[in-house]
Amino acid sequence: NLNAGLRLNIHSTYGSKGVYQVNPSYAHRFDEGYLKFMGTVATAYITPSLPQLYGAFGANPDLEPETNRTLEAGAELGLDSGLRFSLVHFNRREENTVQFNNVDFVYFNAEEDIRVRGLEGEVQWRWQAGSLISLNYTFTEREGGNAIRIPKHKLNVSAQVQLGKKARATARYSFTGKRTDTDFSTFTPVELEGFNLVDLRLDYTFKPKGLSAFIGIDNVLNTEYTEVLGFATPGRNIVLGWTLEL
């Protein structure tokens, strides 16, 4: 397979700029499943926002557009038994990234390129209808500029089990590693600690068909954590609900 696209941006201030993306893939079928190789080559062109150009705080009308290039390459193995494995490597280079100068209080274009690279892997097993286990892990490394709120390590695990014909139970676990945020009262970097979250949910379908209910418990362990500096996060939270389809 080969998917490709081309876009031409015409801007009254910055002129014309073309961007593109190409997504080739090749799949080979064998007796027990399939093996697929895939890739992506893409570019992007991002003009500064109106507040960055003309806003009341730190505006700079001389800002240049950001540009970036993204490369991805990976493989996926699917088995008829319900197992699926995938691994993707990504690499992105950003130029003229718009950043904020905490000393002069003005937006500016970064002189150095920003590079982001990493791996994303996923394992999924569907052993029967309604029952599924999935795991995905992302490793991200960034050079140049501030990687605000981007963890180096991110893990998600979920398990869904069909309990008879009417009930289904779901458990989710997520780990978010250490990140760097900015304290905008002092414009200084702050390291946010990593955290773990566990969520549970039970769905039940009644007779007649179309009526179902659920109970969910988010943050079962009542973990205290910070996603964005200065904003509160919920503790243990219980949610009840129902759905009626006519």
C-alpha atoms as a PDB file:
ATOM      1  CA  ASN A   1       0.000   0.000   0.000  1.00  0.00           C
ATOM      2  CA  LEU A   2       1.077   3.573  -0.619  1.00  0.00           C
ATOM      3  CA  ASN A   3      -0.795   6.617   0.691  1.00  0.00           C
ATOM      4  CA  ALA A   4       0.486  10.090  -0.109  1.00  0.00           C
ATOM      5  CA  GLY A   5      -0.728  13.662   0.254  1.00  0.00           C
ATOM      6  CA  LEU A   6       0.426  17.150  -0.707  1.00  0.00           C
ATOM      7  CA  ARG A   7      -0.816  20.479   0.640  1.00  0.00           C
ATOM      8  CA  LEU A   8       0.015  24.022  -0.427  1.00  0.00           C
ATOM      9  CA  ASN A   9      -0.402  26.806   2.158  1.00  0.00           C
ATOM     10  CA  ILE A  10      -0.732  30.343   0.788  1.00  0.00           C
ATOM     11  CA  HIS A  11      -0.206  32.986   3.481  1.00  0.00           C
ATOM     12  CA  SER A  12      -0.453  36.748   2.981  1.00  0.00           C
ATOM     13  CA  THR A  13       2.555  37.399   5.224  1.00  0.00           C
ATOM     14  CA  TYR A  14       4.740  34.305   4.889  1.00  0.00           C
ATOM     15  CA  GLY A  15       4.109  33.408   1.262  1.00  0.00           C
ATOM     16  CA  SER A  16       3.518  29.908  -0.127  1.00  0.00           C
ATOM     17  CA  LYS A  17       4.770  26.733   1.488  1.00  0.00           C
ATOM     18  CA  GLY A  18       4.199  23.125   0.474  1.00  0.00           C
ATOM     19  CA  VAL A  19       4.029  20.191   2.897  1.00  0.00           C
ATOM     20  CA  TYR A  20       3.606  16.483   2.178  1.00  0.00           C
ATOM     21  CA  GLN A  21       3.284  13.054   3.724  1.00  0.00           C
ATOM     22  CA  VAL A  22       4.010   9.586   2.348  1.00  0.00           C
ATOM     23  CA  ASN A  23       2.869   6.386   4.107  1.00  0.00           C
ATOM     24  CA  PRO A  24       4.110   3.139   2.513  1.00  0.00           C
ATOM     25  CA  SER A  25       3.362  -0.294   3.990  1.00  0.00           C
ATOM     26  CA  TYR A  26       3.827  -3.912   2.966  1.00  0.00           C
ATOM     27  CA  ALA A  27       1.967  -6.876   4.460  1.00  0.00           C
ATOM     28  CA  HIS A  28       2.835 -10.551   4.033  1.00  0.00           C
ATOM     29  CA  ARG A  29       0.266 -13.211   4.919  1.00  0.00           C
ATOM     30  CA  PHE A  30       1.370 -16.630   6.199  1.00  0.00           C
ATOM     31  CA  ASP A  31      -0.433 -19.648   7.658  1.00  0.00           C
ATOM     32  CA  GLU A  32      -0.680 -18.390  11.252  1.00  0.00           C
ATOM     33  CA  GLY A  33      -1.129 -14.657  10.640  1.00  0.00           C
ATOM     34  CA  TYR A  34       0.563 -11.717   8.924  1.00  0.00           C
ATOM     35  CA  LEU A  35       3.667  -9.530   9.116  1.00  0.00           C
ATOM     36  CA  LYS A  36       3.447  -5.876   8.100  1.00  0.00           C
ATOM     37  CA  PHE A  37       6.166  -3.251   7.635  1.00  0.00           C
ATOM     38  CA  MET A  38       5.177   0.412   7.600  1.00  0.00           C
ATOM     39  CA  GLY A  39       6.703   3.854   7.481  1.00  0.00           C
ATOM     40  CA  THR A  40       5.929   7.573   7.322  1.00  0.00           C
ATOM     41  CA  VAL A  41       7.711  10.608   5.921  1.00  0.00           C
ATOM     42  CA  ALA A  42       5.914  13.879   6.664  1.00  0.00           C
ATOM     43  CA  THR A  43       6.563  17.611   6.883  1.00  0.00           C
ATOM     44  CA  ALA A  44       4.603  20.404   8.560  1.00  0.00           C
ATOM     45  CA  TYR A  45       4.471  24.195   8.405  1.00  0.00           C
ATOM     46  CA  ILE A  46       3.003  26.107  11.375  1.00  0.00           C
ATOM     47  CA  THR A  47       2.487  29.876  11.316  1.00  0.00           C
ATOM     48  CA  PRO A  48       2.652  31.756  14.643  1.00  0.00           C
ATOM     49  CA  SER A  49      -0.664  32.349  16.379  1.00  0.00           C
ATOM     50  CA  LEU A  50      -2.277  35.801  16.522  1.00  0.00           C
ATOM     51  CA  PRO A  51      -1.517  36.233  20.281  1.00  0.00           C
ATOM     52  CA  GLN A  52       2.144  35.363  19.612  1.00  0.00           C
ATOM     53  CA  LEU A  53       2.285  37.958  16.834  1.00  0.00           C
ATOM     54  CA  TYR A  54       0.065  40.756  18.126  1.00  0.00           C
ATOM     55  CA  GLY A  55      -1.144  39.826  21.618  1.00  0.00           C
ATOM     56  CA  ALA A  56      -0.830  41.920  24.753  1.00  0.00           C
ATOM     57  CA  PHE A  57       1.777  39.663  26.393  1.00  0.00           C
ATOM     58  CA  GLY A  58       5.161  38.977  24.785  1.00  0.00           C
ATOM     59  CA  ALA A  59       4.013  39.495  21.177  1.00  0.00           C
ATOM     60  CA  ASN A  60       6.625  39.538  18.421  1.00  0.00           C
ATOM     61  CA  PRO A  61       5.414  40.469  14.893  1.00  0.00           C
ATOM     62  CA  ASP A  62       8.784  39.332  13.426  1.00  0.00           C
ATOM     63  CA  LEU A  63       8.244  35.652  14.250  1.00  0.00           C
ATOM     64  CA  GLU A  64       8.926  33.158  11.473  1.00  0.00           C
ATOM     65  CA  PRO A  65       6.835  30.008  10.878  1.00  0.00           C
ATOM     66  CA  GLU A  66       7.849  26.717  12.455  1.00  0.00           C
ATOM     67  CA  THR A  67       8.712  23.784  10.212  1.00  0.00           C
ATOM     68  CA  ASN A  68       9.279  20.138  11.068  1.00  0.00           C
ATOM     69  CA  ARG A  69      10.017  16.787   9.484  1.00  0.00           C
ATOM     70  CA  THR A  70       8.866  13.450  10.894  1.00  0.00           C
ATOM     71  CA  LEU A  71      10.144   9.957  10.061  1.00  0.00           C
ATOM     72  CA  GLU A  72       8.544   6.757  11.332  1.00  0.00           C
ATOM     73  CA  ALA A  73       9.387   3.122  10.658  1.00  0.00           C
ATOM     74  CA  GLY A  74       7.980   0.016  12.243  1.00  0.00           C
ATOM     75  CA  ALA A  75       6.604  -3.479  11.992  1.00  0.00           C
ATOM     76  CA  GLU A  76       3.472  -5.297  13.138  1.00  0.00           C
ATOM     77  CA  LEU A  77       2.979  -9.018  13.679  1.00  0.00           C
ATOM     78  CA  GLY A  78      -0.577 -10.352  13.943  1.00  0.00           C
ATOM     79  CA  LEU A  79      -1.424 -13.966  14.744  1.00  0.00           C
ATOM     80  CA  ASP A  80      -4.712 -15.746  14.176  1.00  0.00           C
ATOM     81  CA  SER A  81      -4.657 -16.749  17.852  1.00  0.00           C
ATOM     82  CA  GLY A  82      -5.523 -13.127  18.729  1.00  0.00           C
ATOM     83  CA  LEU A  83      -2.017 -11.887  19.542  1.00  0.00           C
ATOM     84  CA  ARG A  84      -0.690  -8.709  17.938  1.00  0.00           C
ATOM     85  CA  PHE A  85       2.734  -7.089  18.385  1.00  0.00           C
ATOM     86  CA  SER A  86       3.915  -3.750  16.980  1.00  0.00           C
ATOM     87  CA  LEU A  87       7.040  -1.615  17.329  1.00  0.00           C
ATOM     88  CA  VAL A  88       7.547   1.838  15.801  1.00  0.00           C
ATOM     89  CA  HIS A  89      10.570   4.138  15.835  1.00  0.00           C
ATOM     90  CA  PHE A  90       9.923   7.868  15.394  1.00  0.00           C
ATOM     91  CA  ASN A  91      12.261  10.777  14.714  1.00  0.00           C
ATOM     92  CA  ARG A  92      11.198  14.414  14.394  1.00  0.00           C
ATOM     93  CA  ARG A  93      13.240  17.535  13.698  1.00  0.00           C
ATOM     94  CA  GLU A  94      11.770  20.978  14.407  1.00  0.00           C
ATOM     95  CA  GLU A  95      13.161  24.269  13.054  1.00  0.00           C
ATOM     96  CA  ASN A  96      12.289  27.852  14.044  1.00  0.00           C
ATOM     97  CA  THR A  97      10.295  26.576  16.996  1.00  0.00           C
ATOM     98  CA  VAL A  98       8.396  29.406  18.710  1.00  0.00           C
ATOM     99  CA  GLN A  99       9.476  29.684  22.334  1.00  0.00           C
ATOM    100  CA  PHE A 100       9.111  32.224  25.137  1.00  0.00           C
ATOM    101  CA  ASN A 101      12.025  34.195  26.596  1.00  0.00           C
ATOM    102  CA  ASN A 102      11.533  34.292  30.371  1.00  0.00           C
ATOM    103  CA  VAL A 103      14.020  37.169  30.773  1.00  0.00           C
ATOM    104  CA  ASP A 104      12.852  39.575  28.067  1.00  0.00           C
ATOM    105  CA  PHE A 105       9.234  38.304  28.208  1.00  0.00           C
ATOM    106  CA  VAL A 106       8.856  37.953  24.457  1.00  0.00           C
ATOM    107  CA  TYR A 107       8.231  35.129  21.973  1.00  0.00           C
ATOM    108  CA  PHE A 108      11.136  34.213  19.682  1.00  0.00           C
ATOM    109  CA  ASN A 109      12.245  31.603  17.161  1.00  0.00           C
ATOM    110  CA  ALA A 110      14.728  29.097  18.544  1.00  0.00           C
ATOM    111  CA  GLU A 111      18.104  29.139  16.790  1.00  0.00           C
ATOM    112  CA  GLU A 112      18.892  25.497  17.474  1.00  0.00           C
ATOM    113  CA  ASP A 113      16.913  22.646  16.002  1.00  0.00           C
ATOM    114  CA  ILE A 114      14.793  20.527  18.316  1.00  0.00           C
ATOM    115  CA  ARG A 115      15.026  16.777  17.829  1.00  0.00           C
ATOM    116  CA  VAL A 116      12.609  14.227  19.240  1.00  0.00           C
ATOM    117  CA  ARG A 117      13.115  10.505  18.863  1.00  0.00           C
ATOM    118  CA  GLY A 118      11.879   7.389  20.538  1.00  0.00           C
ATOM    119  CA  LEU A 119      10.145   4.020  20.374  1.00  0.00           C
ATOM    120  CA  GLU A 120       6.552   2.962  20.825  1.00  0.00           C
ATOM    121  CA  GLY A 121       5.646  -0.671  21.364  1.00  0.00           C
ATOM    122  CA  GLU A 122       2.312  -2.405  21.777  1.00  0.00           C
ATOM    123  CA  VAL A 123       1.174  -5.929  22.655  1.00  0.00           C
ATOM    124  CA  GLN A 124      -2.474  -6.980  22.387  1.00  0.00           C
ATOM    125  CA  TRP A 125      -4.164 -10.309  23.013  1.00  0.00           C
ATOM    126  CA  ARG A 126      -7.832 -10.985  22.262  1.00  0.00           C
ATOM    127  CA  TRP A 127      -8.454 -14.564  23.345  1.00  0.00           C
ATOM    128  CA  GLN A 128     -12.254 -14.486  23.104  1.00  0.00           C
ATOM    129  CA  ALA A 129     -15.062 -12.106  22.171  1.00  0.00           C
ATOM    130  CA  GLY A 130     -15.222  -9.258  24.691  1.00  0.00           C
ATOM    131  CA  SER A 131     -11.945 -10.215  26.424  1.00  0.00           C
ATOM    132  CA  LEU A 132      -8.803  -8.266  25.669  1.00  0.00           C
ATOM    133  CA  ILE A 133      -5.429  -7.481  27.246  1.00  0.00           C
ATOM    134  CA  SER A 134      -3.299  -4.662  25.830  1.00  0.00           C
ATOM    135  CA  LEU A 135      -0.013  -3.043  26.803  1.00  0.00           C
ATOM    136  CA  ASN A 136       1.730  -0.074  25.217  1.00  0.00           C
ATOM    137  CA  TYR A 137       4.960   1.655  26.159  1.00  0.00           C
ATOM    138  CA  THR A 138       6.489   4.843  24.767  1.00  0.00           C
ATOM    139  CA  PHE A 139      10.077   6.030  25.208  1.00  0.00           C
ATOM    140  CA  THR A 140      10.686   9.651  24.196  1.00  0.00           C
ATOM    141  CA  GLU A 141      13.971  11.550  24.108  1.00  0.00           C
ATOM    142  CA  ARG A 142      14.165  15.260  23.229  1.00  0.00           C
ATOM    143  CA  GLU A 143      17.148  17.497  22.532  1.00  0.00           C
ATOM    144  CA  GLY A 144      16.928  21.294  22.425  1.00  0.00           C
ATOM    145  CA  GLY A 145      14.245  23.450  24.037  1.00  0.00           C
ATOM    146  CA  ASN A 146      12.087  22.535  26.994  1.00  0.00           C
ATOM    147  CA  ALA A 147      10.199  19.265  26.828  1.00  0.00           C
ATOM    148  CA  ILE A 148       7.297  20.604  28.884  1.00  0.00           C
ATOM    149  CA  ARG A 149       5.216  17.794  30.393  1.00  0.00           C
ATOM    150  CA  ILE A 150       6.641  15.148  28.048  1.00  0.00           C
ATOM    151  CA  PRO A 151       7.735  12.079  30.068  1.00  0.00           C
ATOM    152  CA  LYS A 152      10.624   9.944  28.924  1.00  0.00           C
ATOM    153  CA  HIS A 153       8.684   6.819  29.954  1.00  0.00           C
ATOM    154  CA  LYS A 154       4.948   6.209  29.530  1.00  0.00           C
ATOM    155  CA  LEU A 155       3.196   2.862  30.121  1.00  0.00           C
ATOM    156  CA  ASN A 156      -0.452   1.802  29.819  1.00  0.00           C
ATOM    157  CA  VAL A 157      -1.893  -1.642  30.596  1.00  0.00           C
ATOM    158  CA  SER A 158      -5.553  -2.602  30.343  1.00  0.00           C
ATOM    159  CA  ALA A 159      -7.465  -5.862  30.761  1.00  0.00           C
ATOM    160  CA  GLN A 160     -11.078  -6.441  29.749  1.00  0.00           C
ATOM    161  CA  VAL A 161     -12.813  -9.708  30.638  1.00  0.00           C
ATOM    162  CA  GLN A 162     -16.258 -10.873  29.585  1.00  0.00           C
ATOM    163  CA  LEU A 163     -18.078 -12.345  32.612  1.00  0.00           C
ATOM    164  CA  GLY A 164     -20.796 -14.442  31.061  1.00  0.00           C
ATOM    165  CA  LYS A 165     -23.207 -12.917  28.563  1.00  0.00           C
ATOM    166  CA  LYS A 166     -24.227  -9.846  30.587  1.00  0.00           C
ATOM    167  CA  ALA A 167     -21.229  -8.521  32.522  1.00  0.00           C
ATOM    168  CA  ARG A 168     -17.830  -7.166  31.524  1.00  0.00           C
ATOM    169  CA  ALA A 169     -15.021  -6.080  33.875  1.00  0.00           C
ATOM    170  CA  THR A 170     -12.204  -3.694  32.938  1.00  0.00           C
ATOM    171  CA  ALA A 171      -9.007  -2.787  34.801  1.00  0.00           C
ATOM    172  CA  ARG A 172      -6.505  -0.138  33.695  1.00  0.00           C
ATOM    173  CA  TYR A 173      -3.057   0.774  34.942  1.00  0.00           C
ATOM    174  CA  SER A 174      -0.949   3.692  33.743  1.00  0.00           C
ATOM    175  CA  PHE A 175       2.502   4.945  34.631  1.00  0.00           C
ATOM    176  CA  THR A 176       3.723   8.425  33.729  1.00  0.00           C
ATOM    177  CA  GLY A 177       7.411   9.142  34.352  1.00  0.00           C
ATOM    178  CA  LYS A 178       9.081  12.330  35.513  1.00  0.00           C
ATOM    179  CA  ARG A 179       8.419  15.453  33.439  1.00  0.00           C
ATOM    180  CA  THR A 180       9.544  19.070  33.421  1.00  0.00           C
ATOM    181  CA  ASP A 181       6.969  21.847  33.746  1.00  0.00           C
ATOM    182  CA  THR A 182       7.299  25.625  34.055  1.00  0.00           C
ATOM    183  CA  ASP A 183       6.250  27.682  37.064  1.00  0.00           C
ATOM    184  CA  PHE A 184       4.776  30.688  35.253  1.00  0.00           C
ATOM    185  CA  SER A 185       4.816  32.818  38.400  1.00  0.00           C
ATOM    186  CA  THR A 186       8.632  32.725  38.433  1.00  0.00           C
ATOM    187  CA  PHE A 187       9.285  31.320  34.914  1.00  0.00           C
ATOM    188  CA  THR A 188      11.528  28.627  36.342  1.00  0.00           C
ATOM    189  CA  PRO A 189      11.549  24.921  35.416  1.00  0.00           C
ATOM    190  CA  VAL A 190      10.027  22.486  37.917  1.00  0.00           C
ATOM    191  CA  GLU A 191      10.400  18.711  37.854  1.00  0.00           C
ATOM    192  CA  LEU A 192       7.140  16.802  38.279  1.00  0.00           C
ATOM    193  CA  GLU A 193       7.339  13.404  39.940  1.00  0.00           C
ATOM    194  CA  GLY A 194       6.157  10.276  38.133  1.00  0.00           C
ATOM    195  CA  PHE A 195       2.883   8.671  39.171  1.00  0.00           C
ATOM    196  CA  ASN A 196       0.813   5.486  38.874  1.00  0.00           C
ATOM    197  CA  LEU A 197      -2.963   5.307  38.369  1.00  0.00           C
ATOM    198  CA  VAL A 198      -5.353   2.350  38.623  1.00  0.00           C
ATOM    199  CA  ASP A 199      -8.957   2.434  37.322  1.00  0.00           C
ATOM    200  CA  LEU A 200     -11.686  -0.230  37.545  1.00  0.00           C
ATOM    201  CA  ARG A 201     -15.037  -0.542  35.774  1.00  0.00           C
ATOM    202  CA  LEU A 202     -17.910  -3.045  35.656  1.00  0.00           C
ATOM    203  CA  ASP A 203     -20.552  -3.029  32.899  1.00  0.00           C
ATOM    204  CA  TYR A 204     -23.808  -5.010  33.082  1.00  0.00           C
ATOM    205  CA  THR A 205     -26.521  -5.478  30.435  1.00  0.00           C
ATOM    206  CA  PHE A 206     -30.093  -6.054  31.600  1.00  0.00           C
ATOM    207  CA  LYS A 207     -33.130  -7.495  29.901  1.00  0.00           C
ATOM    208  CA  PRO A 208     -34.733  -6.221  27.753  1.00  0.00           C
ATOM    209  CA  LYS A 209     -31.821  -5.533  25.472  1.00  0.00           C
ATOM    210  CA  GLY A 210     -30.722  -1.922  25.226  1.00  0.00           C
ATOM    211  CA  LEU A 211     -30.601  -1.208  28.974  1.00  0.00           C
ATOM    212  CA  SER A 212     -27.136  -1.302  30.554  1.00  0.00           C
ATOM    213  CA  ALA A 213     -25.467   0.142  33.639  1.00  0.00           C
ATOM    214  CA  PHE A 214     -21.922   0.600  34.857  1.00  0.00           C
ATOM    215  CA  ILE A 215     -19.921   1.478  37.931  1.00  0.00           C
ATOM    216  CA  GLY A 216     -16.407   2.873  37.604  1.00  0.00           C
ATOM    217  CA  ILE A 217     -13.756   3.708  40.173  1.00  0.00           C
ATOM    218  CA  ASP A 218     -11.046   6.062  38.928  1.00  0.00           C
ATOM    219  CA  ASN A 219      -7.760   6.429  40.810  1.00  0.00           C
ATOM    220  CA  VAL A 220      -8.559   3.437  43.012  1.00  0.00           C
ATOM    221  CA  LEU A 221      -5.445   3.945  45.167  1.00  0.00           C
ATOM    222  CA  ASN A 222      -6.299   7.634  45.756  1.00  0.00           C
ATOM    223  CA  THR A 223      -2.890   8.664  44.401  1.00  0.00           C
ATOM    224  CA  GLU A 224      -1.809  12.272  44.797  1.00  0.00           C
ATOM    225  CA  TYR A 225      -0.162  13.524  41.601  1.00  0.00           C
ATOM    226  CA  THR A 226       0.337  16.561  39.379  1.00  0.00           C
ATOM    227  CA  GLU A 227      -0.363  16.604  35.647  1.00  0.00           C
ATOM    228  CA  VAL A 228      -0.053  20.368  35.085  1.00  0.00           C
ATOM    229  CA  LEU A 229       1.626  22.622  37.640  1.00  0.00           C
ATOM    230  CA  GLY A 230      -0.924  24.779  39.455  1.00  0.00           C
ATOM    231  CA  PHE A 231      -3.951  22.620  38.572  1.00  0.00           C
ATOM    232  CA  ALA A 232      -5.583  20.134  40.930  1.00  0.00           C
ATOM    233  CA  THR A 233      -6.119  16.480  40.014  1.00  0.00           C
ATOM    234  CA  PRO A 234      -8.972  14.260  41.270  1.00  0.00           C
ATOM    235  CA  GLY A 235      -8.514  11.673  43.965  1.00  0.00           C
ATOM    236  CA  ARG A 236     -10.549   8.471  44.150  1.00  0.00           C
ATOM    237  CA  ASN A 237     -13.719   8.998  42.144  1.00  0.00           C
ATOM    238  CA  ILE A 238     -16.767   6.711  41.842  1.00  0.00           C
ATOM    239  CA  VAL A 239     -19.064   7.062  38.840  1.00  0.00           C
ATOM    240  CA  LEU A 240     -22.419   5.344  38.293  1.00  0.00           C
ATOM    241  CA  GLY A 241     -24.347   5.478  35.045  1.00  0.00           C
ATOM    242  CA  TRP A 242     -26.805   3.770  32.739  1.00  0.00           C
ATOM    243  CA  THR A 243     -27.617   3.692  29.037  1.00  0.00           C
ATOM    244  CA  LEU A 244     -30.918   2.967  27.316  1.00  0.00           C
ATOM    245  CA  GLU A 245     -30.921   2.323  23.565  1.00  0.00           C
ATOM    246  CA  LEU A 246     -34.350   2.311  21.900  1.00  0.00           C
END
